[in-house]
């Protein structure tokens, strides 16, 4: 078996197993699988409005990924004033904390 096929099969086996592991019962797991495989595009506008922030982040990543490298980040940090670097780090950390406050998702092993 080619290595890529083994990776493909393993990934999908594990991903499907997580659905059954996380669902409270088999009926919910089956409804999750059916919903994932038979979803419709009729609610596309609602989906976009509900997940606009995540979609914008994905778009920013796709657009900027070409120039994303450790060498470029190191070069930018070396040529930037230290107060600007620290202000940026603190601003990003504050933003991450503020945005994560609304999340109520439980840790996957919380009920285990």
PDB file of N, CA and C in Angstrom:
ATOM      1  N   UNK A   1       0.843  -1.171   0.000  1.00  0.00           N
ATOM      2  CA  UNK A   1       0.000   0.000   0.000  1.00  0.00           C
ATOM      3  C   UNK A   1       0.893   1.239   0.000  1.00  0.00           C
ATOM      4  N   UNK A   2       0.599   2.214  -0.839  1.00  0.00           N
ATOM      5  CA  UNK A   2       1.390   3.454  -0.841  1.00  0.00           C
ATOM      6  C   UNK A   2       1.250   4.194   0.492  1.00  0.00           C
ATOM      7  N   UNK A   3       2.283   4.916   0.864  1.00  0.00           N
ATOM      8  CA  UNK A   3       2.286   5.620   2.145  1.00  0.00           C
ATOM      9  C   UNK A   3       1.152   6.644   2.216  1.00  0.00           C
ATOM     10  N   UNK A   4       0.886   7.350   1.127  1.00  0.00           N
ATOM     11  CA  UNK A   4      -0.158   8.368   1.152  1.00  0.00           C
ATOM     12  C   UNK A   4      -1.539   7.748   1.391  1.00  0.00           C
ATOM     13  N   UNK A   5      -1.751   6.542   0.864  1.00  0.00           N
ATOM     14  CA  UNK A   5      -3.032   5.869   1.055  1.00  0.00           C
ATOM     15  C   UNK A   5      -3.188   5.410   2.505  1.00  0.00           C
ATOM     16  N   UNK A   6      -2.104   4.931   3.085  1.00  0.00           N
ATOM     17  CA  UNK A   6      -2.141   4.552   4.494  1.00  0.00           C
ATOM     18  C   UNK A   6      -2.441   5.743   5.394  1.00  0.00           C
ATOM     19  N   UNK A   7      -1.817   6.889   5.107  1.00  0.00           N
ATOM     20  CA  UNK A   7      -2.097   8.103   5.867  1.00  0.00           C
ATOM     21  C   UNK A   7      -3.556   8.525   5.706  1.00  0.00           C
ATOM     22  N   UNK A   8      -4.063   8.461   4.493  1.00  0.00           N
ATOM     23  CA  UNK A   8      -5.444   8.839   4.197  1.00  0.00           C
ATOM     24  C   UNK A   8      -6.425   7.957   4.972  1.00  0.00           C
ATOM     25  N   UNK A   9      -6.214   6.658   4.929  1.00  0.00           N
ATOM     26  CA  UNK A   9      -7.113   5.720   5.612  1.00  0.00           C
ATOM     27  C   UNK A   9      -7.024   5.897   7.127  1.00  0.00           C
ATOM     28  N   UNK A  10      -5.821   6.034   7.650  1.00  0.00           N
ATOM     29  CA  UNK A  10      -5.640   6.200   9.093  1.00  0.00           C
ATOM     30  C   UNK A  10      -6.301   7.475   9.585  1.00  0.00           C
ATOM     31  N   UNK A  11      -6.092   8.577   8.868  1.00  0.00           N
ATOM     32  CA  UNK A  11      -6.689   9.848   9.274  1.00  0.00           C
ATOM     33  C   UNK A  11      -8.208   9.741   9.341  1.00  0.00           C
ATOM     34  N   UNK A  12      -8.814   9.174   8.297  1.00  0.00           N
ATOM     35  CA  UNK A  12     -10.270   9.104   8.264  1.00  0.00           C
ATOM     36  C   UNK A  12     -10.831   8.101   9.284  1.00  0.00           C
ATOM     37  N   UNK A  13     -10.129   7.033   9.524  1.00  0.00           N
ATOM     38  CA  UNK A  13     -10.545   6.072  10.552  1.00  0.00           C
ATOM     39  C   UNK A  13     -10.543   6.742  11.926  1.00  0.00           C
ATOM     40  N   UNK A  14      -9.479   7.482  12.237  1.00  0.00           N
ATOM     41  CA  UNK A  14      -9.379   8.162  13.530  1.00  0.00           C
ATOM     42  C   UNK A  14     -10.435   9.260  13.639  1.00  0.00           C
ATOM     43  N   UNK A  15     -10.628  10.047  12.574  1.00  0.00           N
ATOM     44  CA  UNK A  15     -11.619  11.127  12.606  1.00  0.00           C
ATOM     45  C   UNK A  15     -13.027  10.572  12.823  1.00  0.00           C
ATOM     46  N   UNK A  16     -13.368   9.494  12.165  1.00  0.00           N
ATOM     47  CA  UNK A  16     -14.679   8.871  12.371  1.00  0.00           C
ATOM     48  C   UNK A  16     -14.793   8.282  13.778  1.00  0.00           C
ATOM     49  N   UNK A  17     -13.707   7.725  14.279  1.00  0.00           N
ATOM     50  CA  UNK A  17     -13.708   7.185  15.638  1.00  0.00           C
ATOM     51  C   UNK A  17     -13.934   8.271  16.675  1.00  0.00           C
ATOM     52  N   UNK A  18     -13.401   9.467  16.449  1.00  0.00           N
ATOM     53  CA  UNK A  18     -13.604  10.572  17.381  1.00  0.00           C
ATOM     54  C   UNK A  18     -15.081  10.959  17.480  1.00  0.00           C
ATOM     55  N   UNK A  19     -15.799  10.854  16.381  1.00  0.00           N
ATOM     56  CA  UNK A  19     -17.225  11.174  16.420  1.00  0.00           C
ATOM     57  C   UNK A  19     -17.930  10.235  17.389  1.00  0.00           C
ATOM     58  N   UNK A  20     -17.657   8.951  17.298  1.00  0.00           N
ATOM     59  CA  UNK A  20     -18.299   7.988  18.193  1.00  0.00           C
ATOM     60  C   UNK A  20     -17.794   8.132  19.622  1.00  0.00           C
ATOM     61  N   UNK A  21     -16.554   8.522  19.783  1.00  0.00           N
ATOM     62  CA  UNK A  21     -15.988   8.695  21.123  1.00  0.00           C
ATOM     63  C   UNK A  21     -16.610   9.892  21.826  1.00  0.00           C
ATOM     64  N   UNK A  22     -16.847  10.976  21.091  1.00  0.00           N
ATOM     65  CA  UNK A  22     -17.329  12.230  21.684  1.00  0.00           C
ATOM     66  C   UNK A  22     -18.846  12.285  21.828  1.00  0.00           C
ATOM     67  N   UNK A  23     -19.583  11.589  20.992  1.00  0.00           N
ATOM     68  CA  UNK A  23     -21.045  11.641  21.034  1.00  0.00           C
ATOM     69  C   UNK A  23     -21.561  10.973  22.304  1.00  0.00           C
ATOM     70  N   UNK A  24     -22.652  11.499  22.869  1.00  0.00           N
ATOM     71  CA  UNK A  24     -23.195  10.896  24.089  1.00  0.00           C
ATOM     72  C   UNK A  24     -23.812   9.513  23.866  1.00  0.00           C
ATOM     73  N   UNK A  25     -24.273   9.241  22.622  1.00  0.00           N
ATOM     74  CA  UNK A  25     -24.797   7.907  22.315  1.00  0.00           C
ATOM     75  C   UNK A  25     -24.667   7.646  20.813  1.00  0.00           C
ATOM     76  N   UNK A  26     -24.968   6.432  20.413  1.00  0.00           N
ATOM     77  CA  UNK A  26     -24.786   6.021  19.011  1.00  0.00           C
ATOM     78  C   UNK A  26     -25.722   6.799  18.084  1.00  0.00           C
ATOM     79  N   UNK A  27     -26.948   7.087  18.532  1.00  0.00           N
ATOM     80  CA  UNK A  27     -27.905   7.808  17.686  1.00  0.00           C
ATOM     81  C   UNK A  27     -27.387   9.204  17.341  1.00  0.00           C
ATOM     82  N   UNK A  28     -26.803   9.885  18.307  1.00  0.00           N
ATOM     83  CA  UNK A  28     -26.246  11.216  18.046  1.00  0.00           C
ATOM     84  C   UNK A  28     -25.058  11.110  17.099  1.00  0.00           C
ATOM     85  N   UNK A  29     -24.221  10.111  17.282  1.00  0.00           N
ATOM     86  CA  UNK A  29     -23.074   9.920  16.391  1.00  0.00           C
ATOM     87  C   UNK A  29     -23.540   9.686  14.963  1.00  0.00           C
ATOM     88  N   UNK A  30     -24.580   8.880  14.797  1.00  0.00           N
ATOM     89  CA  UNK A  30     -25.109   8.632  13.450  1.00  0.00           C
ATOM     90  C   UNK A  30     -25.702   9.902  12.847  1.00  0.00           C
ATOM     91  N   UNK A  31     -26.388  10.708  13.655  1.00  0.00           N
ATOM     92  CA  UNK A  31     -26.954  11.948  13.114  1.00  0.00           C
ATOM     93  C   UNK A  31     -25.853  12.934  12.732  1.00  0.00           C
ATOM     94  N   UNK A  32     -24.750  12.950  13.470  1.00  0.00           N
ATOM     95  CA  UNK A  32     -23.612  13.803  13.103  1.00  0.00           C
ATOM     96  C   UNK A  32     -23.041  13.362  11.762  1.00  0.00           C
ATOM     97  N   UNK A  33     -22.862  12.062  11.586  1.00  0.00           N
ATOM     98  CA  UNK A  33     -22.335  11.546  10.322  1.00  0.00           C
ATOM     99  C   UNK A  33     -23.283  11.820   9.166  1.00  0.00           C
ATOM    100  N   UNK A  34     -24.579  11.616   9.368  1.00  0.00           N
ATOM    101  CA  UNK A  34     -25.556  11.878   8.304  1.00  0.00           C
ATOM    102  C   UNK A  34     -25.557  13.362   7.958  1.00  0.00           C
ATOM    103  N   UNK A  35     -25.499  14.222   8.958  1.00  0.00           N
ATOM    104  CA  UNK A  35     -25.468  15.662   8.706  1.00  0.00           C
ATOM    105  C   UNK A  35     -24.221  16.089   7.954  1.00  0.00           C
ATOM    106  N   UNK A  36     -23.094  15.466   8.261  1.00  0.00           N
ATOM    107  CA  UNK A  36     -21.847  15.815   7.576  1.00  0.00           C
ATOM    108  C   UNK A  36     -21.852  15.353   6.115  1.00  0.00           C
ATOM    109  N   UNK A  37     -22.513  14.237   5.871  1.00  0.00           N
ATOM    110  CA  UNK A  37     -22.504  13.682   4.513  1.00  0.00           C
ATOM    111  C   UNK A  37     -23.653  14.176   3.639  1.00  0.00           C
ATOM    112  N   UNK A  38     -24.721  14.711   4.242  1.00  0.00           N
ATOM    113  CA  UNK A  38     -25.875  15.129   3.450  1.00  0.00           C
ATOM    114  C   UNK A  38     -26.205  16.597   3.644  1.00  0.00           C
ATOM    115  N   UNK A  39     -25.250  17.402   4.087  1.00  0.00           N
ATOM    116  CA  UNK A  39     -25.501  18.822   4.297  1.00  0.00           C
ATOM    117  C   UNK A  39     -25.924  19.512   3.010  1.00  0.00           C
ATOM    118  N   UNK A  40     -26.667  20.604   3.160  1.00  0.00           N
ATOM    119  CA  UNK A  40     -27.142  21.332   1.984  1.00  0.00           C
ATOM    120  C   UNK A  40     -26.496  22.706   1.926  1.00  0.00           C
ATOM    121  N   UNK A  41     -26.484  23.275   0.747  1.00  0.00           N
ATOM    122  CA  UNK A  41     -25.931  24.613   0.545  1.00  0.00           C
ATOM    123  C   UNK A  41     -27.012  25.676   0.625  1.00  0.00           C
ATOM    124  N   UNK A  42     -28.228  25.300   0.998  1.00  0.00           N
ATOM    125  CA  UNK A  42     -29.323  26.263   1.055  1.00  0.00           C
ATOM    126  C   UNK A  42     -29.109  27.294   2.158  1.00  0.00           C
ATOM    127  N   UNK A  43     -28.449  26.930   3.208  1.00  0.00           N
ATOM    128  CA  UNK A  43     -28.204  27.853   4.312  1.00  0.00           C
ATOM    129  C   UNK A  43     -26.835  28.495   4.243  1.00  0.00           C
ATOM    130  N   UNK A  44     -26.321  28.711   3.041  1.00  0.00           N
ATOM    131  CA  UNK A  44     -24.967  29.252   2.886  1.00  0.00           C
ATOM    132  C   UNK A  44     -24.841  30.653   3.475  1.00  0.00           C
ATOM    133  N   UNK A  45     -25.826  31.509   3.261  1.00  0.00           N
ATOM    134  CA  UNK A  45     -25.766  32.876   3.789  1.00  0.00           C
ATOM    135  C   UNK A  45     -25.754  32.854   5.316  1.00  0.00           C
ATOM    136  N   UNK A  46     -26.547  31.992   5.915  1.00  0.00           N
ATOM    137  CA  UNK A  46     -26.552  31.879   7.369  1.00  0.00           C
ATOM    138  C   UNK A  46     -25.230  31.353   7.898  1.00  0.00           C
ATOM    139  N   UNK A  47     -24.665  30.388   7.193  1.00  0.00           N
ATOM    140  CA  UNK A  47     -23.373  29.830   7.591  1.00  0.00           C
ATOM    141  C   UNK A  47     -22.295  30.903   7.541  1.00  0.00           C
ATOM    142  N   UNK A  48     -22.273  31.679   6.456  1.00  0.00           N
ATOM    143  CA  UNK A  48     -21.255  32.722   6.310  1.00  0.00           C
ATOM    144  C   UNK A  48     -21.420  33.778   7.392  1.00  0.00           C
ATOM    145  N   UNK A  49     -22.655  34.209   7.667  1.00  0.00           N
ATOM    146  CA  UNK A  49     -22.846  35.236   8.691  1.00  0.00           C
ATOM    147  C   UNK A  49     -22.502  34.709  10.085  1.00  0.00           C
ATOM    148  N   UNK A  50     -22.744  33.442  10.334  1.00  0.00           N
ATOM    149  CA  UNK A  50     -22.445  32.862  11.642  1.00  0.00           C
ATOM    150  C   UNK A  50     -20.954  32.641  11.845  1.00  0.00           C
ATOM    151  N   UNK A  51     -20.220  32.344  10.777  1.00  0.00           N
ATOM    152  CA  UNK A  51     -18.794  32.024  10.877  1.00  0.00           C
ATOM    153  C   UNK A  51     -17.916  33.034  10.142  1.00  0.00           C
ATOM    154  N   UNK A  52     -18.355  34.271  10.064  1.00  0.00           N
ATOM    155  CA  UNK A  52     -17.630  35.279   9.298  1.00  0.00           C
ATOM    156  C   UNK A  52     -16.221  35.503   9.825  1.00  0.00           C
ATOM    157  N   UNK A  53     -16.062  35.575  11.140  1.00  0.00           N
ATOM    158  CA  UNK A  53     -14.744  35.825  11.719  1.00  0.00           C
ATOM    159  C   UNK A  53     -13.754  34.716  11.342  1.00  0.00           C
ATOM    160  N   UNK A  54     -14.166  33.476  11.477  1.00  0.00           N
ATOM    161  CA  UNK A  54     -13.291  32.349  11.143  1.00  0.00           C
ATOM    162  C   UNK A  54     -12.976  32.340   9.651  1.00  0.00           C
ATOM    163  N   UNK A  55     -13.946  32.633   8.815  1.00  0.00           N
ATOM    164  CA  UNK A  55     -13.714  32.668   7.373  1.00  0.00           C
ATOM    165  C   UNK A  55     -12.738  33.772   6.994  1.00  0.00           C
ATOM    166  N   UNK A  56     -12.831  34.930   7.651  1.00  0.00           N
ATOM    167  CA  UNK A  56     -11.883  36.020   7.386  1.00  0.00           C
ATOM    168  C   UNK A  56     -10.478  35.604   7.818  1.00  0.00           C
ATOM    169  N   UNK A  57     -10.358  34.955   8.975  1.00  0.00           N
ATOM    170  CA  UNK A  57      -9.038  34.478   9.412  1.00  0.00           C
ATOM    171  C   UNK A  57      -8.444  33.484   8.419  1.00  0.00           C
ATOM    172  N   UNK A  58      -9.285  32.586   7.898  1.00  0.00           N
ATOM    173  CA  UNK A  58      -8.795  31.619   6.910  1.00  0.00           C
ATOM    174  C   UNK A  58      -8.349  32.334   5.634  1.00  0.00           C
ATOM    175  N   UNK A  59      -9.095  33.332   5.214  1.00  0.00           N
ATOM    176  CA  UNK A  59      -8.721  34.089   4.018  1.00  0.00           C
ATOM    177  C   UNK A  59      -7.395  34.825   4.222  1.00  0.00           C
ATOM    178  N   UNK A  60      -7.228  35.438   5.388  1.00  0.00           N
ATOM    179  CA  UNK A  60      -5.965  36.123   5.689  1.00  0.00           C
ATOM    180  C   UNK A  60      -4.809  35.127   5.665  1.00  0.00           C
ATOM    181  N   UNK A  61      -5.006  33.947   6.237  1.00  0.00           N
ATOM    182  CA  UNK A  61      -3.963  32.922   6.225  1.00  0.00           C
ATOM    183  C   UNK A  61      -3.623  32.516   4.801  1.00  0.00           C
ATOM    184  N   UNK A  62      -4.630  32.272   3.987  1.00  0.00           N
ATOM    185  CA  UNK A  62      -4.388  31.840   2.602  1.00  0.00           C
ATOM    186  C   UNK A  62      -3.626  32.904   1.827  1.00  0.00           C
ATOM    187  N   UNK A  63      -4.004  34.172   2.027  1.00  0.00           N
ATOM    188  CA  UNK A  63      -3.361  35.261   1.281  1.00  0.00           C
ATOM    189  C   UNK A  63      -1.921  35.476   1.745  1.00  0.00           C
ATOM    190  N   UNK A  64      -1.671  35.382   3.059  1.00  0.00           N
ATOM    191  CA  UNK A  64      -0.341  35.707   3.584  1.00  0.00           C
ATOM    192  C   UNK A  64       0.588  34.507   3.727  1.00  0.00           C
ATOM    193  N   UNK A  65       0.097  33.309   3.515  1.00  0.00           N
ATOM    194  CA  UNK A  65       0.912  32.118   3.732  1.00  0.00           C
ATOM    195  C   UNK A  65       2.141  32.070   2.828  1.00  0.00           C
ATOM    196  N   UNK A  66       2.040  32.626   1.654  1.00  0.00           N
ATOM    197  CA  UNK A  66       3.170  32.596   0.717  1.00  0.00           C
ATOM    198  C   UNK A  66       4.411  33.261   1.310  1.00  0.00           C
ATOM    199  N   UNK A  67       4.218  34.299   2.114  1.00  0.00           N
ATOM    200  CA  UNK A  67       5.342  35.044   2.675  1.00  0.00           C
ATOM    201  C   UNK A  67       5.626  34.656   4.117  1.00  0.00           C
ATOM    202  N   UNK A  68       5.009  33.588   4.588  1.00  0.00           N
ATOM    203  CA  UNK A  68       5.165  33.168   5.966  1.00  0.00           C
ATOM    204  C   UNK A  68       6.382  32.248   6.096  1.00  0.00           C
ATOM    205  N   UNK A  69       7.397  32.737   6.767  1.00  0.00           N
ATOM    206  CA  UNK A  69       8.572  31.904   7.042  1.00  0.00           C
ATOM    207  C   UNK A  69       9.266  32.432   8.297  1.00  0.00           C
ATOM    208  N   UNK A  70       9.982  31.565   8.976  1.00  0.00           N
ATOM    209  CA  UNK A  70      10.686  31.974  10.191  1.00  0.00           C
ATOM    210  C   UNK A  70      11.760  33.005   9.886  1.00  0.00           C
ATOM    211  N   UNK A  71      12.417  32.881   8.751  1.00  0.00           N
ATOM    212  CA  UNK A  71      13.470  33.829   8.391  1.00  0.00           C
ATOM    213  C   UNK A  71      12.901  35.235   8.237  1.00  0.00           C
ATOM    214  N   UNK A  72      11.756  35.370   7.613  1.00  0.00           N
ATOM    215  CA  UNK A  72      11.135  36.688   7.440  1.00  0.00           C
ATOM    216  C   UNK A  72      10.680  37.272   8.781  1.00  0.00           C
ATOM    217  N   UNK A  73      10.154  36.424   9.654  1.00  0.00           N
ATOM    218  CA  UNK A  73       9.726  36.899  10.969  1.00  0.00           C
ATOM    219  C   UNK A  73      10.935  37.355  11.777  1.00  0.00           C
ATOM    220  N   UNK A  74      12.011  36.565  11.771  1.00  0.00           N
ATOM    221  CA  UNK A  74      13.232  36.963  12.479  1.00  0.00           C
ATOM    222  C   UNK A  74      13.792  38.277  11.940  1.00  0.00           C
ATOM    223  N   UNK A  75      13.800  38.436  10.626  1.00  0.00           N
ATOM    224  CA  UNK A  75      14.303  39.665  10.013  1.00  0.00           C
ATOM    225  C   UNK A  75      13.439  40.862  10.418  1.00  0.00           C
ATOM    226  N   UNK A  76      12.132  40.678  10.410  1.00  0.00           N
ATOM    227  CA  UNK A  76      11.236  41.765  10.811  1.00  0.00           C
ATOM    228  C   UNK A  76      11.431  42.124  12.280  1.00  0.00           C
ATOM    229  N   UNK A  77      11.618  41.115  13.132  1.00  0.00           N
ATOM    230  CA  UNK A  77      11.825  41.385  14.551  1.00  0.00           C
ATOM    231  C   UNK A  77      13.155  42.089  14.823  1.00  0.00           C
ATOM    232  N   UNK A  78      14.177  41.759  14.059  1.00  0.00           N
ATOM    233  CA  UNK A  78      15.482  42.396  14.248  1.00  0.00           C
ATOM    234  C   UNK A  78      15.459  43.864  13.860  1.00  0.00           C
ATOM    235  N   UNK A  79      14.648  44.211  12.868  1.00  0.00           N
ATOM    236  CA  UNK A  79      14.617  45.584  12.372  1.00  0.00           C
ATOM    237  C   UNK A  79      13.493  46.420  12.971  1.00  0.00           C
ATOM    238  N   UNK A  80      12.686  45.837  13.849  1.00  0.00           N
ATOM    239  CA  UNK A  80      11.597  46.574  14.486  1.00  0.00           C
ATOM    240  C   UNK A  80      12.045  47.079  15.848  1.00  0.00           C
ATOM    241  N   UNK A  81      11.561  48.248  16.240  1.00  0.00           N
ATOM    242  CA  UNK A  81      11.890  48.738  17.591  1.00  0.00           C
ATOM    243  C   UNK A  81      11.288  47.818  18.653  1.00  0.00           C
ATOM    244  N   UNK A  82      12.036  47.597  19.726  1.00  0.00           N
ATOM    245  CA  UNK A  82      11.599  46.673  20.777  1.00  0.00           C
ATOM    246  C   UNK A  82      10.249  47.069  21.394  1.00  0.00           C
ATOM    247  N   UNK A  83       9.971  48.367  21.658  1.00  0.00           N
ATOM    248  CA  UNK A  83       8.647  48.698  22.207  1.00  0.00           C
ATOM    249  C   UNK A  83       7.499  48.310  21.268  1.00  0.00           C
ATOM    250  N   UNK A  84       7.713  48.401  19.967  1.00  0.00           N
ATOM    251  CA  UNK A  84       6.677  48.020  19.008  1.00  0.00           C
ATOM    252  C   UNK A  84       6.462  46.506  19.047  1.00  0.00           C
ATOM    253  N   UNK A  85       7.542  45.754  19.144  1.00  0.00           N
ATOM    254  CA  UNK A  85       7.442  44.293  19.206  1.00  0.00           C
ATOM    255  C   UNK A  85       6.678  43.873  20.459  1.00  0.00           C
ATOM    256  N   UNK A  86       7.036  44.434  21.623  1.00  0.00           N
ATOM    257  CA  UNK A  86       6.381  44.058  22.873  1.00  0.00           C
ATOM    258  C   UNK A  86       4.926  44.517  22.890  1.00  0.00           C
ATOM    259  N   UNK A  87       4.642  45.685  22.337  1.00  0.00           N
ATOM    260  CA  UNK A  87       3.252  46.149  22.265  1.00  0.00           C
ATOM    261  C   UNK A  87       2.424  45.221  21.384  1.00  0.00           C
ATOM    262  N   UNK A  88       3.011  44.736  20.296  1.00  0.00           N
ATOM    263  CA  UNK A  88       2.311  43.809  19.406  1.00  0.00           C
ATOM    264  C   UNK A  88       2.058  42.479  20.101  1.00  0.00           C
ATOM    265  N   UNK A  89       3.062  41.957  20.795  1.00  0.00           N
ATOM    266  CA  UNK A  89       2.912  40.687  21.512  1.00  0.00           C
ATOM    267  C   UNK A  89       1.828  40.807  22.587  1.00  0.00           C
ATOM    268  N   UNK A  90       1.861  41.867  23.360  1.00  0.00           N
ATOM    269  CA  UNK A  90       0.853  42.064  24.406  1.00  0.00           C
ATOM    270  C   UNK A  90      -0.537  42.276  23.808  1.00  0.00           C
ATOM    271  N   UNK A  91      -0.618  42.994  22.693  1.00  0.00           N
ATOM    272  CA  UNK A  91      -1.904  43.206  22.031  1.00  0.00           C
ATOM    273  C   UNK A  91      -2.495  41.912  21.503  1.00  0.00           C
ATOM    274  N   UNK A  92      -1.676  41.081  20.894  1.00  0.00           N
ATOM    275  CA  UNK A  92      -2.155  39.794  20.374  1.00  0.00           C
ATOM    276  C   UNK A  92      -2.573  38.880  21.525  1.00  0.00           C
ATOM    277  N   UNK A  93      -1.803  38.872  22.610  1.00  0.00           N
ATOM    278  CA  UNK A  93      -2.158  38.046  23.769  1.00  0.00           C
ATOM    279  C   UNK A  93      -3.474  38.520  24.385  1.00  0.00           C
ATOM    280  N   UNK A  94      -3.643  39.827  24.506  1.00  0.00           N
ATOM    281  CA  UNK A  94      -4.890  40.376  25.042  1.00  0.00           C
ATOM    282  C   UNK A  94      -6.064  40.042  24.141  1.00  0.00           C
ATOM    283  N   UNK A  95      -5.870  40.173  22.845  1.00  0.00           N
ATOM    284  CA  UNK A  95      -6.929  39.844  21.891  1.00  0.00           C
ATOM    285  C   UNK A  95      -7.297  38.366  21.964  1.00  0.00           C
ATOM    286  N   UNK A  96      -6.300  37.499  22.084  1.00  0.00           N
ATOM    287  CA  UNK A  96      -6.565  36.058  22.181  1.00  0.00           C
ATOM    288  C   UNK A  96      -7.346  35.734  23.445  1.00  0.00           C
ATOM    289  N   UNK A  97      -6.996  36.363  24.562  1.00  0.00           N
ATOM    290  CA  UNK A  97      -7.719  36.122  25.806  1.00  0.00           C
ATOM    291  C   UNK A  97      -9.145  36.646  25.711  1.00  0.00           C
ATOM    292  N   UNK A  98      -9.311  37.835  25.144  1.00  0.00           N
ATOM    293  CA  UNK A  98     -10.650  38.426  25.034  1.00  0.00           C
ATOM    294  C   UNK A  98     -11.550  37.597  24.124  1.00  0.00           C
ATOM    295  N   UNK A  99     -11.011  37.092  23.024  1.00  0.00           N
ATOM    296  CA  UNK A  99     -11.823  36.316  22.092  1.00  0.00           C
ATOM    297  C   UNK A  99     -12.145  34.923  22.633  1.00  0.00           C
ATOM    298  N   UNK A 100     -11.291  34.394  23.484  1.00  0.00           N
ATOM    299  CA  UNK A 100     -11.533  33.045  24.006  1.00  0.00           C
ATOM    300  C   UNK A 100     -12.518  33.038  25.167  1.00  0.00           C
ATOM    301  N   UNK A 101     -12.889  34.177  25.698  1.00  0.00           N
ATOM    302  CA  UNK A 101     -13.786  34.231  26.851  1.00  0.00           C
ATOM    303  C   UNK A 101     -15.191  33.748  26.517  1.00  0.00           C
ATOM    304  N   UNK A 102     -15.609  33.854  25.255  1.00  0.00           N
ATOM    305  CA  UNK A 102     -16.949  33.419  24.880  1.00  0.00           C
ATOM    306  C   UNK A 102     -17.048  31.932  24.610  1.00  0.00           C
ATOM    307  N   UNK A 103     -15.942  31.242  24.548  1.00  0.00           N
ATOM    308  CA  UNK A 103     -15.953  29.825  24.219  1.00  0.00           C
ATOM    309  C   UNK A 103     -16.306  29.001  25.446  1.00  0.00           C
ATOM    310  N   UNK A 104     -17.300  28.122  25.299  1.00  0.00           N
ATOM    311  CA  UNK A 104     -17.675  27.270  26.418  1.00  0.00           C
ATOM    312  C   UNK A 104     -17.483  25.798  26.073  1.00  0.00           C
ATOM    313  N   UNK A 105     -16.687  25.512  25.063  1.00  0.00           N
ATOM    314  CA  UNK A 105     -16.464  24.132  24.657  1.00  0.00           C
ATOM    315  C   UNK A 105     -15.701  23.391  25.754  1.00  0.00           C
ATOM    316  N   UNK A 106     -16.189  22.203  26.086  1.00  0.00           N
ATOM    317  CA  UNK A 106     -15.542  21.407  27.112  1.00  0.00           C
ATOM    318  C   UNK A 106     -14.343  20.667  26.525  1.00  0.00           C
ATOM    319  N   UNK A 107     -13.396  20.401  27.391  1.00  0.00           N
ATOM    320  CA  UNK A 107     -12.259  19.567  27.022  1.00  0.00           C
ATOM    321  C   UNK A 107     -12.778  18.184  26.668  1.00  0.00           C
ATOM    322  N   UNK A 108     -12.228  17.557  25.653  1.00  0.00           N
ATOM    323  CA  UNK A 108     -12.773  16.298  25.129  1.00  0.00           C
ATOM    324  C   UNK A 108     -12.771  15.181  26.176  1.00  0.00           C
ATOM    325  N   UNK A 109     -11.814  15.172  27.099  1.00  0.00           N
ATOM    326  CA  UNK A 109     -11.748  14.104  28.100  1.00  0.00           C
ATOM    327  C   UNK A 109     -12.397  14.507  29.422  1.00  0.00           C
ATOM    328  N   UNK A 110     -13.150  15.618  29.460  1.00  0.00           N
ATOM    329  CA  UNK A 110     -13.731  16.106  30.706  1.00  0.00           C
ATOM    330  C   UNK A 110     -14.654  15.082  31.347  1.00  0.00           C
ATOM    331  N   UNK A 111     -15.500  14.426  30.549  1.00  0.00           N
ATOM    332  CA  UNK A 111     -16.457  13.458  31.087  1.00  0.00           C
ATOM    333  C   UNK A 111     -15.907  12.033  31.159  1.00  0.00           C
ATOM    334  N   UNK A 112     -14.702  11.842  30.738  1.00  0.00           N
ATOM    335  CA  UNK A 112     -14.169  10.482  30.614  1.00  0.00           C
ATOM    336  C   UNK A 112     -13.881   9.866  31.956  1.00  0.00           C
TER     337      UNK A 112
END
